[in-house]
Protein backbone atom coordinates (compact mmCIF):
# COMPACT_ATOMS: atom_id res chain seq x y z
CA UNK A 1 -8.54 -58.80 25.81
CA UNK A 2 -7.84 -55.87 28.12
CA UNK A 3 -4.57 -53.98 27.64
CA UNK A 4 -1.76 -55.80 29.48
CA UNK A 5 -3.72 -59.04 29.92
CA UNK A 6 -1.67 -62.01 28.70
CA UNK A 7 -4.45 -64.56 28.42
CA UNK A 8 -8.18 -64.72 27.83
CA UNK A 9 -9.75 -67.83 29.26
CA UNK A 10 -13.09 -67.06 27.60
CA UNK A 11 -11.65 -67.23 24.08
CA UNK A 12 -8.89 -69.70 24.93
CA UNK A 13 -6.21 -67.29 23.73
CA UNK A 14 -2.86 -66.28 25.18
CA UNK A 15 0.11 -64.09 24.32
CA UNK A 16 3.57 -65.60 24.10
CA UNK A 17 5.18 -62.26 24.86
CA UNK A 18 4.28 -58.90 26.35
CA UNK A 19 0.91 -57.70 25.02
CA UNK A 20 0.54 -54.11 23.81
CA UNK A 21 -2.62 -52.06 23.33
CA UNK A 22 -3.55 -53.86 20.11
CA UNK A 23 -3.62 -57.19 21.96
CA UNK A 24 -0.67 -58.43 19.90
CA UNK A 25 2.65 -59.29 21.48
CA UNK A 26 5.15 -56.44 21.35
CA UNK A 27 7.43 -58.83 19.43
CA UNK A 28 5.56 -60.97 16.89
CA UNK A 29 7.56 -63.94 15.54
CA UNK A 30 7.00 -65.63 12.20
CA UNK A 31 7.50 -69.07 13.80
CA UNK A 32 5.14 -68.50 16.74
CA UNK A 33 2.97 -71.57 17.56
CA UNK A 34 0.21 -69.32 18.90
CA UNK A 35 -2.11 -68.52 20.47
CA UNK A 36 -3.13 -64.87 20.51
CA UNK A 37 -6.60 -63.80 19.41
CA UNK A 38 -5.45 -62.73 15.93
CA UNK A 39 -3.57 -66.01 15.46
CA UNK A 40 -6.58 -68.11 16.44
CA UNK A 41 -8.96 -65.96 14.36
CA UNK A 42 -6.86 -66.78 11.30
CA UNK A 43 -7.93 -70.41 11.69
CA UNK A 44 -11.35 -70.51 13.33
CA UNK A 45 -12.59 -67.20 11.94
CA UNK A 46 -15.99 -66.11 13.20
CA UNK A 47 -15.98 -68.74 15.94
CA UNK A 48 -13.40 -66.58 17.74
CA UNK A 49 -16.05 -63.91 18.23
CA UNK A 50 -17.69 -66.05 20.93
CA UNK A 51 -16.74 -67.75 24.21
CA UNK A 52 -15.41 -71.28 23.80
CA UNK A 53 -17.10 -74.49 24.91
CA UNK A 54 -20.71 -73.41 24.48
CA UNK A 55 -23.09 -75.46 26.58
CA UNK A 56 -20.48 -76.12 29.24
CA UNK A 57 -19.70 -72.58 30.36
CA UNK A 58 -21.04 -69.17 31.22
CA UNK A 59 -18.89 -66.10 30.74
CA UNK A 60 -18.61 -62.66 32.31
CA UNK A 61 -16.50 -59.70 31.21
CA UNK A 62 -14.45 -57.22 33.17
CA UNK A 63 -16.25 -53.96 32.36
CA UNK A 64 -14.73 -51.56 34.88
CA UNK A 65 -13.91 -48.15 33.41
CA UNK A 66 -10.13 -48.12 32.88
CA UNK A 67 -7.86 -45.17 33.56
CA UNK A 68 -5.58 -43.37 31.10
CA UNK A 69 -6.20 -42.34 27.50
CA UNK A 70 -6.21 -45.02 24.81
CA UNK A 71 -8.65 -46.78 22.53
CA UNK A 72 -9.38 -49.07 25.49
CA UNK A 73 -10.88 -46.08 27.27
CA UNK A 74 -13.52 -45.58 24.59
CA UNK A 75 -16.69 -47.68 24.79
CA UNK A 76 -19.19 -48.53 22.07
CA UNK A 77 -22.79 -47.37 22.36
CA UNK A 78 -25.73 -49.63 21.61
CA UNK A 79 -29.18 -48.43 20.61
CA UNK A 80 -32.59 -49.65 21.76
CA UNK A 81 -34.56 -48.92 18.62
CA UNK A 82 -34.52 -47.72 15.02
CA UNK A 83 -32.17 -48.19 12.09
CA UNK A 84 -29.96 -46.07 9.87
CA UNK A 85 -28.26 -46.82 6.60
CA UNK A 86 -30.30 -49.79 5.42
CA UNK A 87 -29.28 -51.11 2.04
CA UNK A 88 -31.90 -50.26 -0.63
CA UNK A 89 -34.33 -53.14 -0.93
CA UNK A 90 -34.23 -54.00 2.75
CA UNK A 91 -37.08 -53.08 5.07
CA UNK A 92 -37.05 -51.99 8.70
CA UNK A 93 -38.54 -55.35 9.62
CA UNK A 94 -36.59 -57.45 12.13
CA UNK A 95 -36.40 -60.03 9.35
CA UNK A 96 -34.19 -57.67 7.36
CA UNK A 97 -32.38 -55.87 10.17
CA UNK A 98 -29.93 -58.71 10.74
CA UNK A 99 -26.26 -58.13 11.39
CA UNK A 100 -25.16 -59.98 8.27
CA UNK A 101 -27.16 -57.42 6.26
CA UNK A 102 -24.99 -54.58 7.57
CA UNK A 103 -23.20 -53.08 4.58
CA UNK A 104 -19.42 -52.85 4.95
CA UNK A 105 -18.62 -51.68 1.44
CA UNK A 106 -17.20 -48.19 1.25
CA UNK A 107 -14.96 -46.05 -0.92
CA UNK A 108 -12.39 -43.28 -0.80
CA UNK A 109 -11.04 -40.72 -3.23
CA UNK A 110 -11.63 -37.17 -4.43
CA UNK A 111 -12.69 -37.79 -8.03
CA UNK A 112 -11.95 -41.39 -8.99
CA UNK A 113 -13.37 -43.53 -6.21
CA UNK A 114 -11.63 -46.67 -4.95
CA UNK A 115 -14.21 -49.20 -3.80
CA UNK A 116 -13.50 -51.66 -1.01
CA UNK A 117 -15.51 -54.49 0.54
CA UNK A 118 -14.31 -53.87 4.08
CA UNK A 119 -13.15 -50.55 5.61
CA UNK A 120 -9.63 -51.82 6.02
CA UNK A 121 -6.22 -51.63 4.35
CA UNK A 122 -2.79 -53.02 5.08
CA UNK A 123 0.11 -51.08 6.45
CA UNK A 124 3.08 -50.57 4.18
CA UNK A 125 4.83 -53.86 3.36
CA UNK A 126 8.14 -52.69 2.04
CA UNK A 127 11.76 -53.80 1.87
CA UNK A 128 11.77 -56.07 4.93
CA UNK A 129 12.42 -59.74 4.23
CA UNK A 130 9.17 -60.66 5.97
CA UNK A 131 7.23 -58.57 3.45
CA UNK A 132 9.04 -60.26 0.55
CA UNK A 133 8.80 -63.81 1.89
CA UNK A 134 5.10 -63.73 2.75
CA UNK A 135 3.89 -61.31 0.09
CA UNK A 136 1.85 -63.91 -1.79
CA UNK A 137 -0.10 -64.70 1.37
CA UNK A 138 -0.86 -61.07 2.13
CA UNK A 139 -1.58 -60.04 -1.45
CA UNK A 140 -3.84 -62.95 -2.42
CA UNK A 141 -5.77 -62.84 0.85
CA UNK A 142 -6.33 -59.08 0.64
CA UNK A 143 -7.28 -59.21 -3.06
CA UNK A 144 -9.85 -61.92 -2.38
CA UNK A 145 -11.25 -59.90 0.54
CA UNK A 146 -11.40 -56.73 -1.59
CA UNK A 147 -9.16 -54.44 0.47
CA UNK A 148 -6.17 -52.30 -0.59
CA UNK A 149 -2.61 -53.44 -0.01
CA UNK A 150 0.38 -51.11 0.27
CA UNK A 151 3.78 -51.87 -1.25
CA UNK A 152 6.10 -49.97 1.04
CA UNK A 153 9.21 -47.94 0.39
CA UNK A 154 12.54 -49.15 -0.99
CA UNK A 155 11.29 -52.36 -2.64
CA UNK A 156 13.08 -51.44 -5.85
CA UNK A 157 16.19 -50.07 -4.17
CA UNK A 158 16.99 -53.26 -2.26
CA UNK A 159 16.25 -55.59 -5.19
CA UNK A 160 19.57 -56.92 -6.48
CA UNK A 161 17.87 -57.95 -9.74
CA UNK A 162 16.53 -54.45 -10.39
CA UNK A 163 18.25 -52.66 -13.25
CA UNK A 164 19.07 -48.97 -13.01
CA UNK A 165 20.37 -47.03 -15.99
CA UNK A 166 21.68 -43.52 -15.39
CA UNK A 167 20.11 -43.63 -11.94
CA UNK A 168 16.62 -44.58 -13.20
CA UNK A 169 14.80 -47.90 -12.87
CA UNK A 170 14.45 -49.87 -16.09
CA UNK A 171 13.63 -53.31 -14.66
CA UNK A 172 12.10 -54.00 -11.24
CA UNK A 173 11.24 -57.71 -10.92
CA UNK A 174 10.32 -57.72 -7.22
CA UNK A 175 7.98 -54.77 -7.59
CA UNK A 176 6.45 -56.35 -10.69
CA UNK A 177 5.99 -59.66 -8.87
CA UNK A 178 4.16 -58.00 -6.01
CA UNK A 179 1.81 -56.09 -8.27
CA UNK A 180 1.12 -59.13 -10.47
CA UNK A 181 0.12 -61.49 -7.67
CA UNK A 182 -2.39 -59.02 -6.23
CA UNK A 183 -3.87 -58.13 -9.61
CA UNK A 184 -4.33 -61.82 -10.47
CA UNK A 185 -7.02 -62.08 -7.80
CA UNK A 186 -8.31 -58.51 -7.71
CA UNK A 187 -11.76 -57.68 -9.03
CA UNK A 188 -13.43 -54.26 -9.02
CA UNK A 189 -12.64 -53.84 -5.32
CA UNK A 190 -9.38 -52.99 -3.61
CA UNK A 191 -6.24 -51.31 -4.92
CA UNK A 192 -2.48 -51.48 -5.12
CA UNK A 193 -0.81 -48.54 -3.37
CA UNK A 194 2.94 -48.01 -3.89
CA UNK A 195 4.89 -45.81 -1.51
CA UNK A 196 7.40 -43.27 -2.71
CA UNK A 197 10.19 -42.10 -0.39
CA UNK A 198 13.28 -40.00 -1.15
CA UNK A 199 15.31 -42.84 -2.70
CA UNK A 200 12.32 -44.17 -4.66
CA UNK A 201 11.72 -40.72 -6.12
CA UNK A 202 15.37 -40.37 -7.08
CA UNK A 203 15.34 -43.82 -8.71
CA UNK A 204 12.34 -42.97 -10.89
CA UNK A 205 9.95 -45.49 -9.31
CA UNK A 206 6.93 -43.29 -10.03
CA UNK A 207 7.84 -42.99 -13.71
CA UNK A 208 8.40 -46.74 -13.96
CA UNK A 209 5.01 -47.52 -12.41
CA UNK A 210 2.94 -45.14 -14.48
CA UNK A 211 4.65 -46.18 -17.72
CA UNK A 212 4.07 -49.87 -17.05
CA UNK A 213 0.75 -49.92 -15.18
CA UNK A 214 -0.91 -46.62 -16.01
CA UNK A 215 -3.35 -45.02 -13.56
CA UNK A 216 -4.49 -48.31 -11.97
CA UNK A 217 -1.84 -48.04 -9.25
CA UNK A 218 -2.18 -45.46 -6.47
CA UNK A 219 1.06 -43.65 -5.64
CA UNK A 220 1.67 -42.73 -1.99
CA UNK A 221 3.94 -39.97 -0.76
CA UNK A 222 5.45 -40.83 2.60
CA UNK A 223 6.09 -38.28 5.31
CA UNK A 224 6.54 -40.76 8.13
CA UNK A 225 5.04 -43.50 10.24
CA UNK A 226 4.04 -44.13 13.83
CA UNK A 227 6.94 -46.38 14.73
CA UNK A 228 9.79 -43.90 14.19
CA UNK A 229 10.70 -40.42 13.06
CA UNK A 230 13.59 -41.36 10.79
CA UNK A 231 13.64 -43.10 7.42
CA UNK A 232 12.92 -46.71 6.65
CA UNK A 233 15.38 -49.35 7.79
CA UNK A 234 16.29 -52.98 7.32
CA UNK A 235 19.14 -55.22 8.49
CA UNK A 236 21.26 -57.49 6.32
CA UNK A 237 23.77 -60.08 7.44
CA UNK A 238 25.69 -60.45 4.19
CA UNK A 239 28.53 -57.95 3.89
CA UNK A 240 28.48 -58.11 0.09
CA UNK A 241 24.78 -57.25 0.10
CA UNK A 242 25.49 -54.42 2.55
CA UNK A 243 28.13 -53.06 0.16
CA UNK A 244 25.65 -53.36 -2.72
CA UNK A 245 23.11 -51.28 -0.78
CA UNK A 246 25.72 -48.63 -0.10
CA UNK A 247 26.49 -48.46 -3.81
CA UNK A 248 22.75 -48.07 -4.43
CA UNK A 249 23.01 -44.84 -2.46
CA UNK A 250 21.79 -45.87 0.99
CA UNK A 251 23.37 -45.10 4.34
CA UNK A 252 24.64 -48.43 5.67
CA UNK A 253 25.72 -48.63 9.31
CA UNK A 254 28.40 -49.72 10.06
CA UNK A 255 30.14 -48.96 6.79
CA UNK A 256 30.84 -52.32 5.09
CA UNK A 257 33.67 -50.82 3.05
CA UNK A 258 35.81 -50.00 6.09
CA UNK A 259 38.56 -52.56 6.64
CA UNK A 260 38.05 -52.67 10.41
CA UNK A 261 34.33 -53.33 9.90
CA UNK A 262 35.10 -56.15 7.47
CA UNK A 263 37.49 -57.66 10.01
CA UNK A 264 34.91 -57.40 12.79
CA UNK A 265 32.31 -59.03 10.54
CA UNK A 266 34.68 -61.88 9.67
CA UNK A 267 35.39 -62.39 13.38
CA UNK A 268 31.68 -62.46 14.19
CA UNK A 269 31.72 -59.29 16.28
CA UNK A 270 29.54 -57.47 13.73
CA UNK A 271 26.77 -59.73 12.49
CA UNK A 272 24.38 -57.33 10.75
CA UNK A 273 24.35 -54.05 8.87
CA UNK A 274 21.51 -51.52 9.13
CA UNK A 275 20.36 -49.83 5.92
CA UNK A 276 18.73 -46.42 6.39
CA UNK A 277 16.65 -44.21 4.13
CA UNK A 278 17.01 -40.46 3.92
CA UNK A 279 14.88 -37.91 5.69
CA UNK A 280 12.58 -35.76 3.59
CA UNK A 281 12.34 -31.96 3.47
CA UNK A 282 15.81 -31.37 4.92
CA UNK A 283 16.45 -28.68 2.31
CA UNK A 284 13.55 -26.45 3.38
CA UNK A 285 13.29 -24.40 6.56
CA UNK A 286 9.72 -23.10 6.76
CA UNK A 287 6.15 -24.28 6.50
CA UNK A 288 5.43 -22.28 3.31
CA UNK A 289 8.43 -23.93 1.64
CA UNK A 290 7.13 -27.39 2.58
CA UNK A 291 3.72 -26.48 1.21
CA UNK A 292 5.23 -25.30 -2.08
CA UNK A 293 7.43 -28.40 -2.42
CA UNK A 294 4.55 -30.76 -1.63
CA UNK A 295 2.09 -29.17 -4.04
CA UNK A 296 4.77 -29.12 -6.73
CA UNK A 297 5.39 -32.85 -6.21
CA UNK A 298 1.70 -33.71 -6.41
CA UNK A 299 1.34 -31.66 -9.58
CA UNK A 300 4.31 -33.48 -11.10
CA UNK A 301 2.81 -36.88 -10.24
CA UNK A 302 -0.49 -35.92 -11.82
CA UNK A 303 1.45 -34.77 -14.86
CA UNK A 304 2.98 -38.22 -15.12
CA UNK A 305 -0.51 -39.72 -15.29
CA UNK A 306 -1.41 -40.72 -11.74
CA UNK A 307 -5.13 -40.28 -11.13
CA UNK A 308 -5.02 -41.24 -7.45
CA UNK A 309 -2.43 -40.02 -4.95
CA UNK A 310 -2.26 -40.71 -1.24
CA UNK A 311 -0.19 -39.35 1.62
CA UNK A 312 1.00 -41.13 4.76
CA UNK A 313 2.12 -39.16 7.77
CA UNK A 314 3.41 -40.26 11.15
CA UNK A 315 3.01 -39.38 14.80
CA UNK A 316 4.45 -35.88 14.53
CA UNK A 317 3.06 -32.98 16.53
CA UNK A 318 0.05 -30.81 15.86
CA UNK A 319 1.81 -28.52 13.38
CA UNK A 320 2.74 -31.39 11.07
CA UNK A 321 -0.74 -32.90 11.48
CA UNK A 322 -2.38 -29.65 10.43
CA UNK A 323 0.01 -29.36 7.50
CA UNK A 324 -0.90 -32.86 6.31
CA UNK A 325 -4.63 -32.19 6.52
CA UNK A 326 -4.42 -28.76 4.88
CA UNK A 327 -2.02 -29.75 2.12
CA UNK A 328 -4.05 -32.87 1.36
CA UNK A 329 -7.05 -30.59 0.91
CA UNK A 330 -5.20 -28.15 -1.33
CA UNK A 331 -3.68 -30.89 -3.47
CA UNK A 332 -6.84 -32.96 -3.83
CA UNK A 333 -5.21 -35.99 -2.20
CA UNK A 334 -7.38 -39.10 -2.40
CA UNK A 335 -6.39 -40.65 0.93
CA UNK A 336 -4.51 -39.37 3.98
CA UNK A 337 -3.22 -42.09 6.33
CA UNK A 338 -2.45 -40.87 9.86
CA UNK A 339 -0.29 -43.31 11.81
CA UNK A 340 -0.04 -42.81 15.56
CA UNK A 341 2.66 -43.97 17.94
CA UNK A 342 1.81 -47.55 18.71
CA UNK A 343 2.04 -48.48 15.06
CA UNK A 344 4.17 -51.50 14.22
CA UNK A 345 7.33 -51.96 12.25
CA UNK A 346 9.66 -54.45 10.67
CA UNK A 347 12.58 -52.50 12.11
CA UNK A 348 12.90 -49.34 14.18
CA UNK A 349 15.15 -48.24 17.03
CA UNK A 350 13.34 -49.73 20.01
CA UNK A 351 13.70 -46.86 22.47
CA UNK A 352 12.56 -44.52 19.72
CA UNK A 353 9.42 -46.64 19.27
CA UNK A 354 8.67 -46.44 22.98
CA UNK A 355 9.30 -42.75 23.55
CA UNK A 356 8.66 -40.68 20.43
CA UNK A 357 5.55 -39.19 18.95
CA UNK A 358 1.86 -38.70 19.66
CA UNK A 359 -0.06 -41.86 20.66
CA UNK A 360 -2.82 -42.94 18.33
CA UNK A 361 -5.94 -41.89 20.24
CA UNK A 362 -5.02 -38.24 20.92
CA UNK A 363 -3.52 -37.92 17.43
CA UNK A 364 -6.65 -39.27 15.76
CA UNK A 365 -8.90 -37.14 17.96
CA UNK A 366 -7.00 -34.02 16.91
CA UNK A 367 -7.11 -35.10 13.27
CA UNK A 368 -10.89 -35.20 13.43
CA UNK A 369 -11.01 -31.83 15.20
CA UNK A 370 -8.76 -30.19 12.60
CA UNK A 371 -10.65 -31.81 9.71
CA UNK A 372 -13.95 -30.53 11.10
CA UNK A 373 -12.45 -27.04 11.44
CA UNK A 374 -11.32 -27.13 7.82
CA UNK A 375 -14.69 -28.43 6.62
CA UNK A 376 -16.52 -25.70 8.56
CA UNK A 377 -14.48 -23.12 6.66
CA UNK A 378 -15.84 -24.52 3.41
CA UNK A 379 -12.70 -26.37 2.37
CA UNK A 380 -12.72 -29.99 1.14
CA UNK A 381 -11.23 -32.59 3.48
CA UNK A 382 -9.33 -35.59 2.17
CA UNK A 383 -10.65 -39.02 3.08
CA UNK A 384 -8.66 -40.45 5.96
CA UNK A 385 -7.33 -43.82 7.07
CA UNK A 386 -6.38 -44.14 10.73
CA UNK A 387 -3.49 -46.36 11.78
CA UNK A 388 -1.48 -47.21 14.87
CA UNK A 389 -1.98 -50.34 16.96
CA UNK A 390 -5.22 -51.86 15.66
CA UNK A 391 -6.00 -55.57 15.49
CA UNK A 392 -9.66 -56.23 16.32
CA UNK A 393 -13.11 -55.32 15.09
CA UNK A 394 -13.82 -53.16 18.16
CA UNK A 395 -10.69 -51.13 17.32
CA UNK A 396 -12.09 -50.60 13.83
CA UNK A 397 -15.48 -49.44 15.12
CA UNK A 398 -14.01 -47.05 17.68
CA UNK A 399 -11.53 -45.45 15.27
CA UNK A 400 -14.09 -45.05 12.49
CA UNK A 401 -16.53 -43.47 14.96
CA UNK A 402 -13.88 -41.19 16.48
CA UNK A 403 -12.79 -40.00 13.04
CA UNK A 404 -16.29 -39.71 11.55
CA UNK A 405 -17.25 -38.50 9.05
CA UNK A 406 -13.74 -38.13 7.62
CA UNK A 407 -12.22 -41.53 8.48
CA UNK A 408 -13.21 -43.99 5.75
CA UNK A 409 -11.05 -46.97 6.64
CA UNK A 410 -8.62 -48.41 9.15
CA UNK A 411 -5.02 -49.33 8.42
CA UNK A 412 -3.69 -52.50 10.09
CA UNK A 413 -0.10 -53.65 9.80
CA UNK A 414 1.07 -56.46 12.04
CA UNK A 415 -2.38 -57.99 12.57
CA UNK A 416 -2.86 -58.72 8.87
CA UNK A 417 0.62 -60.23 8.65
CA UNK A 418 0.06 -62.88 11.35
CA UNK A 419 -2.20 -65.12 9.22
CA UNK A 420 0.45 -65.11 6.49
CA UNK A 421 3.01 -66.50 8.92
CA UNK A 422 0.60 -69.03 10.39
CA UNK A 423 -0.70 -70.32 7.07
CA UNK A 424 2.81 -70.68 5.66
CA UNK A 425 3.95 -72.62 8.72
CA UNK A 426 0.97 -74.97 8.37
CA UNK A 427 1.58 -75.44 4.65
CA UNK A 428 5.26 -76.21 5.24
CA UNK A 429 4.44 -78.73 7.95
CA UNK A 430 1.77 -80.53 5.90
CA UNK A 431 3.78 -80.33 2.66
CA UNK A 432 7.53 -80.53 3.45
CA UNK A 433 8.35 -80.22 -0.25
CA UNK A 434 6.88 -76.69 -0.17
CA UNK A 435 8.47 -75.60 3.12
CA UNK A 436 11.37 -73.66 1.69
CA UNK A 437 9.27 -72.02 -1.02
CA UNK A 438 6.57 -70.84 1.38
CA UNK A 439 9.07 -69.98 4.15
CA UNK A 440 7.43 -72.33 6.61
CA UNK A 441 9.10 -72.65 10.00
CA UNK A 442 7.53 -75.84 11.37
CA UNK A 443 8.49 -79.44 10.72
CA UNK A 444 5.22 -80.62 12.24
CA UNK A 445 2.01 -79.05 13.46
CA UNK A 446 2.20 -77.89 17.07
CA UNK A 447 -0.50 -79.05 19.46
CA UNK A 448 -2.12 -75.59 19.30
CA UNK A 449 -2.92 -76.34 15.64
CA UNK A 450 -3.29 -80.12 15.56
CA UNK A 451 -5.96 -79.90 18.26
CA UNK A 452 -8.11 -78.18 15.63
CA UNK A 453 -7.49 -80.57 12.74
CA UNK A 454 -4.97 -82.25 10.49
CA UNK A 455 -5.81 -80.90 7.02
CA UNK A 456 -6.43 -77.43 5.59
CA UNK A 457 -10.08 -78.33 5.05
CA UNK A 458 -10.36 -78.90 8.81
CA UNK A 459 -8.12 -76.09 9.96
CA UNK A 460 -9.36 -73.05 8.03
CA UNK A 461 -12.95 -71.96 8.61
CA UNK A 462 -13.22 -70.33 5.16
CA UNK A 463 -11.47 -73.03 3.12
CA UNK A 464 -14.66 -74.35 1.58
CA UNK A 465 -16.02 -70.84 1.03
CA UNK A 466 -12.99 -69.97 -1.08
CA UNK A 467 -12.98 -73.32 -2.83
CA UNK A 468 -16.58 -72.80 -3.84
CA UNK A 469 -15.73 -69.35 -5.14
CA UNK A 470 -12.50 -70.22 -6.96
CA UNK A 471 -12.90 -73.88 -7.86
CA UNK A 472 -10.74 -76.80 -6.80
CA UNK A 473 -8.09 -76.26 -9.49
CA UNK A 474 -7.47 -72.60 -8.62
CA UNK A 475 -7.60 -73.44 -4.91
CA UNK A 476 -4.49 -75.55 -5.41
CA UNK A 477 -2.60 -72.36 -6.32
CA UNK A 478 -3.70 -70.40 -3.25
CA UNK A 479 -1.13 -70.21 -0.42
CA UNK A 480 -2.44 -71.40 2.91
CA UNK A 481 -1.36 -68.03 4.31
CA UNK A 482 -3.80 -66.34 1.92
CA UNK A 483 -6.62 -68.56 3.19
CA UNK A 484 -5.67 -67.63 6.76
CA UNK A 485 -5.63 -63.95 5.81
CA UNK A 486 -9.07 -64.19 4.22
CA UNK A 487 -10.31 -66.04 7.32
CA UNK A 488 -9.10 -63.30 9.66
CA UNK A 489 -10.60 -60.56 7.49
CA UNK A 490 -13.91 -62.43 7.38
CA UNK A 491 -13.94 -62.57 11.19
CA UNK A 492 -13.12 -58.86 11.47
CA UNK A 493 -15.90 -58.02 9.03
CA UNK A 494 -18.48 -60.14 10.89
CA UNK A 495 -17.47 -58.64 14.23
CA UNK A 496 -17.74 -55.12 12.84
CA UNK A 497 -21.17 -55.93 11.43
CA UNK A 498 -22.31 -57.05 14.88
CA UNK A 499 -21.15 -53.85 16.54
CA UNK A 500 -22.80 -51.77 13.83
CA UNK A 501 -26.07 -53.69 14.11
CA UNK A 502 -26.07 -53.18 17.87
CA UNK A 503 -25.72 -49.45 17.25
CA UNK A 504 -28.59 -49.77 14.72
CA UNK A 505 -26.27 -48.65 11.94
CA UNK A 506 -26.80 -50.89 8.92
CA UNK A 507 -24.01 -49.47 6.80
CA UNK A 508 -20.51 -48.50 7.81
CA UNK A 509 -21.04 -45.04 6.29
CA UNK A 510 -23.70 -44.35 8.95
CA UNK A 511 -21.24 -44.58 11.84
CA UNK A 512 -20.86 -41.39 13.88
CA UNK A 513 -19.09 -39.99 16.92
CA UNK A 514 -22.28 -40.47 18.94
CA UNK A 515 -21.71 -44.22 18.65
CA UNK A 516 -18.87 -44.13 21.19
CA UNK A 517 -18.52 -42.76 24.73
CA UNK A 518 -15.56 -41.98 26.97
CA UNK A 519 -14.96 -44.34 29.90
CA UNK A 520 -13.18 -41.71 31.99
CA UNK A 521 -12.99 -37.94 32.27
CA UNK A 522 -9.47 -37.67 30.86
CA UNK A 523 -10.53 -39.42 27.65
CA UNK A 524 -13.58 -37.17 27.46
CA UNK A 525 -11.36 -34.10 27.73
CA UNK A 526 -8.81 -35.30 25.15
CA UNK A 527 -11.26 -36.55 22.53
CA UNK A 528 -14.36 -34.41 22.89
CA UNK A 529 -16.38 -37.63 23.21
CA UNK A 530 -19.05 -37.46 25.92
CA UNK A 531 -18.50 -39.27 29.21
CA UNK A 532 -20.41 -42.53 29.43
CA UNK A 533 -23.18 -41.29 31.77
CA UNK A 534 -23.44 -37.83 30.23
CA UNK A 535 -24.00 -38.99 26.65
CA UNK A 536 -27.74 -38.55 25.97
CA UNK A 537 -28.32 -37.43 29.58
CA UNK A 538 -30.29 -34.37 28.43
CA UNK A 539 -32.61 -36.58 26.38
CA UNK A 540 -33.00 -38.97 29.29
CA UNK A 541 -34.10 -36.14 31.58
CA UNK A 542 -36.68 -34.95 29.06
CA UNK A 543 -38.11 -38.46 28.87
CA UNK A 544 -38.39 -38.67 32.65
CA UNK A 545 -40.25 -35.35 32.87
CA UNK A 546 -42.46 -35.82 29.81
């Protein structure tokens, strides 16, 4: 779907709200009855790759070169001949060079490699209630698909059952629950990544994790995210809970302990309280001081026993981007996630989301440029994940190509959450006794779903695949939202394989910047990617005159 287009007749999809660059609605609701492309892909899977109603239709795309600078203004190259990256044991025969033989497995990490089945990871799923309510769906689906999942900031701090003694965590049931459900279904692929912000560090979250889980968990230092340039936030409606969060050390706005605020809340004039996290590095005033503090923190984490450490940075300017890339190199960071403006959120000031920071495409283009500069100087470059407004397989291909060879995987937030909502709503509608437990929002299936079937076996394209893999007894334990998540990830993987096969790249590691072209001159200038008719033009002229 082109940016700004609300419906796609070819796929039979439509946006309920205003679509953004990712193709998702700007506001994605947990109770939505559909029917955006991601929503439909969570049910029908690979079928969503193709036009609907085969045999009754023909289809044509709008392929005009768009204006502006965004991932929509990059186009994917195809190749006429050859192959690269064939899996050992496969031949160059057309019988072997099939798209489903394209290898999607990859890895990241400086010394200890983390292996993944699909070059994809989740965004940080932290202290928002959505992350808590639908965690089982996200975690089980991602574990079964073999991709990393990120437990975001403040999960321990907002947990009323967590026990702190002398300011340090001694018992963290919500964090433990999240780790346990993912690990139950994890094999040798994927990983649990736990974010560490200012409050988490003060509460001893890192020490708790390494003491209980050892080096199997990846710890992630957080500098920022694409959605905002202040700390993490949530809203709570219960004034007692708001007061609890203030006692935990958070900034709560408005202050629930003020008598006038309590009166306004009782009268209904104040309905919610915003909990804010602290900003980092406020006690340093220069780049060398930040470098020293960062390297000291990484050294301390390694001293605790962490073998793998990641860093997430937001849509700051070029100075902060260079600092992230250089410090990650110096510290031996295993993964650097770079989140551009356009990235999603559970809560951020809206006008901040719309007006702050560097958009994803120019930020990612500069990240690749700076990484290449560092590599040319002989310095190691940390593996990168690119984030900020991705939802489809073409987004994955373009970002991996733009960031090649340093970008190893793509980070998706809101897109991977949609199947969790959808599956839970279906499960609650089909099994009313489970509705409250799974946080389902439907009393009955809407027509958008019932037109596809009436049972999970009919509704989810990968139901029988998972049942064959897990067995009928274990399948009974799997949330429908996890099946929907697995279905979406299967579709994304198949779509990425098709793009790679068309580029004659038979492993995701073979992708390169030559596999994309710029659709307009402005994008060419900002990214360094050749304009569509100038890519390979010199070779074309030699062929003509040979």
